């Protein structure tokens, strides 16, 4: 990262260029990761949001934008294979996300 970018308050990317945001929930960020952030990302038009809950095995929650709001998330537990097509095709076991 250029030295000047570390002091800039300007966004480094437009939300329109972001296809996926992923968050690993922690005790200190759980309220934001489960509530405020999905609302903000949907408002910004981010098409896909992944929320990873490490204390659940982990579990991957996948949110997809529909009409400006995220549909209720689909949950994928550790030990299962999530076969996803958006924003790109990928198959993974959520347990791999925290290795």
N, C-alpha and C. Protein backbone atom coordinates (compact mmCIF):
# COMPACT_ATOMS: atom_id res chain seq x y z
N UNK A 1 0.85 -1.16 0.00
CA UNK A 1 0.00 0.00 0.00
C UNK A 1 0.91 1.23 0.00
N UNK A 2 0.57 2.19 -0.85
CA UNK A 2 1.36 3.43 -0.85
C UNK A 2 1.25 4.14 0.50
N UNK A 3 2.32 4.76 0.92
CA UNK A 3 2.37 5.44 2.22
C UNK A 3 1.24 6.47 2.35
N UNK A 4 0.96 7.19 1.26
CA UNK A 4 -0.08 8.23 1.29
C UNK A 4 -1.46 7.63 1.56
N UNK A 5 -1.70 6.40 1.10
CA UNK A 5 -3.01 5.78 1.28
C UNK A 5 -3.31 5.52 2.74
N UNK A 6 -2.30 5.29 3.54
CA UNK A 6 -2.50 5.01 4.96
C UNK A 6 -3.09 6.22 5.69
N UNK A 7 -2.92 7.41 5.14
CA UNK A 7 -3.40 8.62 5.79
C UNK A 7 -4.64 9.20 5.11
N UNK A 8 -5.10 8.56 4.07
CA UNK A 8 -6.25 9.06 3.33
C UNK A 8 -7.55 8.65 4.01
N UNK A 9 -8.53 9.52 3.95
CA UNK A 9 -9.86 9.19 4.45
C UNK A 9 -10.79 8.80 3.32
N UNK A 10 -10.28 8.83 2.10
CA UNK A 10 -11.08 8.46 0.93
C UNK A 10 -11.16 6.94 0.81
N UNK A 11 -12.31 6.41 0.38
CA UNK A 11 -12.40 4.96 0.18
C UNK A 11 -11.41 4.50 -0.89
N UNK A 12 -10.84 3.31 -0.69
CA UNK A 12 -9.89 2.78 -1.66
C UNK A 12 -10.61 2.10 -2.82
N UNK A 13 -11.88 1.76 -2.64
CA UNK A 13 -12.65 1.11 -3.70
C UNK A 13 -14.08 1.60 -3.62
N UNK A 14 -14.71 1.68 -4.76
CA UNK A 14 -16.12 2.03 -4.80
C UNK A 14 -16.93 0.79 -4.42
N UNK A 15 -18.00 0.93 -3.65
CA UNK A 15 -18.82 -0.24 -3.32
C UNK A 15 -19.32 -0.97 -4.57
N UNK A 16 -19.43 -0.26 -5.67
CA UNK A 16 -19.91 -0.89 -6.90
C UNK A 16 -18.91 -1.89 -7.46
N UNK A 17 -17.66 -1.81 -7.02
CA UNK A 17 -16.63 -2.74 -7.48
C UNK A 17 -16.50 -3.95 -6.57
N UNK A 18 -17.15 -3.94 -5.43
CA UNK A 18 -17.02 -5.01 -4.45
C UNK A 18 -18.11 -6.05 -4.70
N UNK A 19 -17.68 -7.30 -4.88
CA UNK A 19 -18.62 -8.39 -5.15
C UNK A 19 -18.96 -9.19 -3.90
N UNK A 20 -18.05 -9.20 -2.93
CA UNK A 20 -18.21 -10.04 -1.75
C UNK A 20 -17.49 -9.39 -0.57
N UNK A 21 -18.17 -9.39 0.57
CA UNK A 21 -17.52 -9.01 1.83
C UNK A 21 -17.72 -10.17 2.79
N UNK A 22 -16.65 -10.53 3.48
CA UNK A 22 -16.71 -11.59 4.48
C UNK A 22 -16.28 -11.07 5.83
N UNK A 23 -16.95 -11.51 6.86
CA UNK A 23 -16.64 -11.10 8.23
C UNK A 23 -16.53 -12.34 9.10
N UNK A 24 -15.53 -12.38 9.96
CA UNK A 24 -15.44 -13.40 11.00
C UNK A 24 -15.91 -12.75 12.29
N UNK A 25 -16.99 -13.27 12.83
CA UNK A 25 -17.61 -12.69 14.02
C UNK A 25 -16.74 -12.97 15.25
N UNK A 26 -16.56 -11.94 16.05
CA UNK A 26 -15.86 -12.09 17.33
C UNK A 26 -16.74 -11.49 18.42
N UNK A 27 -16.38 -11.73 19.66
CA UNK A 27 -17.18 -11.19 20.76
C UNK A 27 -17.28 -9.68 20.71
N UNK A 28 -16.22 -9.02 20.27
CA UNK A 28 -16.22 -7.55 20.27
C UNK A 28 -16.95 -6.95 19.08
N UNK A 29 -17.18 -7.72 18.02
CA UNK A 29 -17.83 -7.17 16.82
C UNK A 29 -19.15 -7.85 16.48
N UNK A 30 -19.65 -8.73 17.34
CA UNK A 30 -20.81 -9.55 16.98
C UNK A 30 -22.05 -8.72 16.63
N UNK A 31 -22.35 -7.69 17.40
CA UNK A 31 -23.54 -6.89 17.11
C UNK A 31 -23.44 -6.20 15.75
N UNK A 32 -22.27 -5.67 15.44
CA UNK A 32 -22.08 -5.00 14.15
C UNK A 32 -22.11 -6.01 13.01
N UNK A 33 -21.43 -7.16 13.18
CA UNK A 33 -21.36 -8.15 12.11
C UNK A 33 -22.71 -8.77 11.80
N UNK A 34 -23.56 -8.91 12.80
CA UNK A 34 -24.87 -9.55 12.60
C UNK A 34 -25.97 -8.54 12.26
N UNK A 35 -25.78 -7.28 12.61
CA UNK A 35 -26.86 -6.31 12.43
C UNK A 35 -26.51 -5.13 11.56
N UNK A 36 -25.62 -4.28 12.05
CA UNK A 36 -25.34 -3.03 11.35
C UNK A 36 -24.63 -3.22 10.01
N UNK A 37 -23.64 -4.09 9.97
CA UNK A 37 -22.86 -4.24 8.74
C UNK A 37 -23.69 -4.80 7.58
N UNK A 38 -24.50 -5.85 7.78
CA UNK A 38 -25.31 -6.30 6.65
C UNK A 38 -26.23 -5.21 6.10
N UNK A 39 -26.78 -4.40 6.98
CA UNK A 39 -27.64 -3.30 6.51
C UNK A 39 -26.85 -2.30 5.69
N UNK A 40 -25.66 -1.95 6.16
CA UNK A 40 -24.81 -0.98 5.44
C UNK A 40 -24.34 -1.55 4.11
N UNK A 41 -23.94 -2.82 4.09
CA UNK A 41 -23.46 -3.43 2.85
C UNK A 41 -24.58 -3.54 1.82
N UNK A 42 -25.78 -3.88 2.27
CA UNK A 42 -26.92 -3.96 1.35
C UNK A 42 -27.22 -2.58 0.79
N UNK A 43 -27.21 -1.58 1.64
CA UNK A 43 -27.47 -0.20 1.19
C UNK A 43 -26.43 0.25 0.17
N UNK A 44 -25.19 -0.20 0.34
CA UNK A 44 -24.11 0.16 -0.59
C UNK A 44 -24.17 -0.66 -1.88
N UNK A 45 -25.02 -1.69 -1.91
CA UNK A 45 -25.17 -2.49 -3.12
C UNK A 45 -24.19 -3.65 -3.25
N UNK A 46 -23.57 -4.06 -2.14
CA UNK A 46 -22.66 -5.21 -2.17
C UNK A 46 -23.51 -6.47 -2.36
N UNK A 47 -23.32 -7.21 -3.47
CA UNK A 47 -24.23 -8.30 -3.79
C UNK A 47 -24.18 -9.51 -2.87
N UNK A 48 -23.03 -9.77 -2.24
CA UNK A 48 -22.91 -10.97 -1.42
C UNK A 48 -22.16 -10.65 -0.13
N UNK A 49 -22.70 -11.15 0.99
CA UNK A 49 -22.07 -10.97 2.30
C UNK A 49 -21.96 -12.34 2.95
N UNK A 50 -20.75 -12.69 3.39
CA UNK A 50 -20.53 -13.93 4.14
C UNK A 50 -20.25 -13.58 5.58
N UNK A 51 -20.99 -14.19 6.49
CA UNK A 51 -20.73 -14.04 7.92
C UNK A 51 -20.28 -15.39 8.46
N UNK A 52 -19.11 -15.43 9.06
CA UNK A 52 -18.56 -16.67 9.57
C UNK A 52 -18.65 -16.63 11.09
N UNK A 53 -19.34 -17.61 11.64
CA UNK A 53 -19.52 -17.72 13.09
C UNK A 53 -18.58 -18.82 13.59
N UNK A 54 -17.40 -18.46 14.11
CA UNK A 54 -16.42 -19.48 14.52
C UNK A 54 -16.89 -20.36 15.68
N UNK A 55 -17.72 -19.82 16.57
CA UNK A 55 -18.17 -20.60 17.73
C UNK A 55 -19.25 -21.62 17.37
N UNK A 56 -19.68 -21.63 16.12
CA UNK A 56 -20.70 -22.57 15.67
C UNK A 56 -20.08 -23.67 14.82
N UNK A 57 -18.82 -23.91 14.97
CA UNK A 57 -18.22 -25.06 14.33
C UNK A 57 -17.16 -24.90 13.27
N UNK A 58 -16.99 -23.94 12.46
CA UNK A 58 -17.75 -22.71 12.21
C UNK A 58 -18.96 -22.94 11.29
N UNK A 59 -19.80 -21.94 11.23
CA UNK A 59 -20.92 -21.91 10.30
C UNK A 59 -20.76 -20.69 9.40
N UNK A 60 -21.00 -20.90 8.12
CA UNK A 60 -20.96 -19.83 7.13
C UNK A 60 -22.39 -19.43 6.80
N UNK A 61 -22.70 -18.15 6.97
CA UNK A 61 -24.01 -17.60 6.59
C UNK A 61 -23.81 -16.78 5.33
N UNK A 62 -24.56 -17.12 4.29
CA UNK A 62 -24.43 -16.45 3.00
C UNK A 62 -25.67 -15.61 2.74
N UNK A 63 -25.46 -14.31 2.58
CA UNK A 63 -26.52 -13.36 2.27
C UNK A 63 -26.39 -12.94 0.82
N UNK A 64 -27.51 -12.90 0.08
CA UNK A 64 -27.50 -12.43 -1.30
C UNK A 64 -28.49 -11.28 -1.45
N UNK A 65 -28.04 -10.25 -2.15
CA UNK A 65 -28.84 -9.05 -2.34
C UNK A 65 -30.02 -9.33 -3.27
N UNK A 66 -31.19 -8.82 -2.89
CA UNK A 66 -32.39 -8.97 -3.70
C UNK A 66 -33.24 -7.73 -3.50
N UNK A 67 -33.33 -6.89 -4.53
CA UNK A 67 -34.15 -5.69 -4.43
C UNK A 67 -33.65 -4.69 -3.40
N UNK A 68 -32.34 -4.60 -3.23
CA UNK A 68 -31.76 -3.64 -2.31
C UNK A 68 -31.65 -4.12 -0.87
N UNK A 69 -32.11 -5.34 -0.59
CA UNK A 69 -32.01 -5.92 0.75
C UNK A 69 -31.48 -7.34 0.63
N UNK A 70 -30.84 -7.81 1.70
CA UNK A 70 -30.39 -9.20 1.70
C UNK A 70 -31.55 -10.12 2.03
N UNK A 71 -31.63 -11.21 1.27
CA UNK A 71 -32.57 -12.28 1.60
C UNK A 71 -32.10 -12.92 2.91
N UNK A 72 -32.98 -13.62 3.62
CA UNK A 72 -32.51 -14.34 4.81
C UNK A 72 -31.34 -15.25 4.42
N UNK A 73 -30.34 -15.34 5.29
CA UNK A 73 -29.13 -16.07 4.90
C UNK A 73 -29.34 -17.58 4.84
N UNK A 74 -28.53 -18.21 4.01
CA UNK A 74 -28.43 -19.67 3.98
C UNK A 74 -27.25 -20.04 4.86
N UNK A 75 -27.45 -21.03 5.74
CA UNK A 75 -26.40 -21.44 6.67
C UNK A 75 -25.75 -22.74 6.20
N UNK A 76 -24.43 -22.77 6.28
CA UNK A 76 -23.65 -23.95 5.94
C UNK A 76 -22.78 -24.29 7.15
N UNK A 77 -23.03 -25.45 7.75
CA UNK A 77 -22.29 -25.88 8.94
C UNK A 77 -20.99 -26.56 8.55
N UNK A 78 -20.02 -26.55 9.46
CA UNK A 78 -18.77 -27.27 9.26
C UNK A 78 -19.08 -28.75 9.01
N UNK A 79 -18.34 -29.36 8.09
CA UNK A 79 -18.57 -30.76 7.74
C UNK A 79 -19.49 -30.94 6.56
N UNK A 80 -20.10 -29.84 6.09
CA UNK A 80 -20.92 -29.88 4.88
C UNK A 80 -20.19 -29.12 3.78
N UNK A 81 -20.62 -29.32 2.55
CA UNK A 81 -20.00 -28.60 1.44
C UNK A 81 -20.96 -27.53 0.95
N UNK A 82 -20.51 -26.30 0.99
CA UNK A 82 -21.28 -25.18 0.44
C UNK A 82 -20.91 -25.06 -1.03
N UNK A 83 -21.87 -25.30 -1.91
CA UNK A 83 -21.65 -25.14 -3.35
C UNK A 83 -22.30 -23.83 -3.76
N UNK A 84 -21.47 -22.82 -3.93
CA UNK A 84 -21.96 -21.47 -4.19
C UNK A 84 -21.66 -21.07 -5.63
N UNK A 85 -22.54 -20.23 -6.18
CA UNK A 85 -22.35 -19.75 -7.55
C UNK A 85 -22.12 -18.24 -7.61
N UNK A 86 -22.47 -17.54 -6.52
CA UNK A 86 -22.35 -16.08 -6.53
C UNK A 86 -21.38 -15.64 -5.45
N UNK A 87 -20.54 -14.70 -5.66
CA UNK A 87 -20.32 -13.96 -6.90
C UNK A 87 -19.46 -14.71 -7.91
N UNK A 88 -19.00 -15.91 -7.53
CA UNK A 88 -18.21 -16.76 -8.42
C UNK A 88 -18.41 -18.20 -7.94
N UNK A 89 -18.21 -19.18 -8.82
CA UNK A 89 -18.40 -20.56 -8.38
C UNK A 89 -17.30 -21.01 -7.42
N UNK A 90 -17.72 -21.59 -6.30
CA UNK A 90 -16.78 -22.12 -5.31
C UNK A 90 -17.50 -23.18 -4.47
N UNK A 91 -16.78 -24.22 -4.13
CA UNK A 91 -17.28 -25.25 -3.21
C UNK A 91 -16.31 -25.32 -2.04
N UNK A 92 -16.84 -25.29 -0.82
CA UNK A 92 -15.96 -25.34 0.34
C UNK A 92 -16.71 -25.85 1.56
N UNK A 93 -15.95 -26.42 2.46
CA UNK A 93 -16.44 -26.79 3.78
C UNK A 93 -16.14 -25.59 4.68
N UNK A 94 -17.11 -25.04 5.38
CA UNK A 94 -16.83 -23.88 6.23
C UNK A 94 -15.68 -24.08 7.22
N UNK A 95 -15.39 -25.31 7.59
CA UNK A 95 -14.27 -25.57 8.49
C UNK A 95 -12.95 -25.10 7.87
N UNK A 96 -12.87 -25.11 6.53
CA UNK A 96 -11.65 -24.67 5.84
C UNK A 96 -11.39 -23.17 6.02
N UNK A 97 -12.41 -22.41 6.32
CA UNK A 97 -12.27 -20.96 6.41
C UNK A 97 -11.43 -20.51 7.60
N UNK A 98 -11.31 -21.36 8.60
CA UNK A 98 -10.57 -20.97 9.80
C UNK A 98 -9.31 -21.80 10.00
N UNK A 99 -8.89 -22.52 8.98
CA UNK A 99 -7.65 -23.32 9.09
C UNK A 99 -6.44 -22.43 9.02
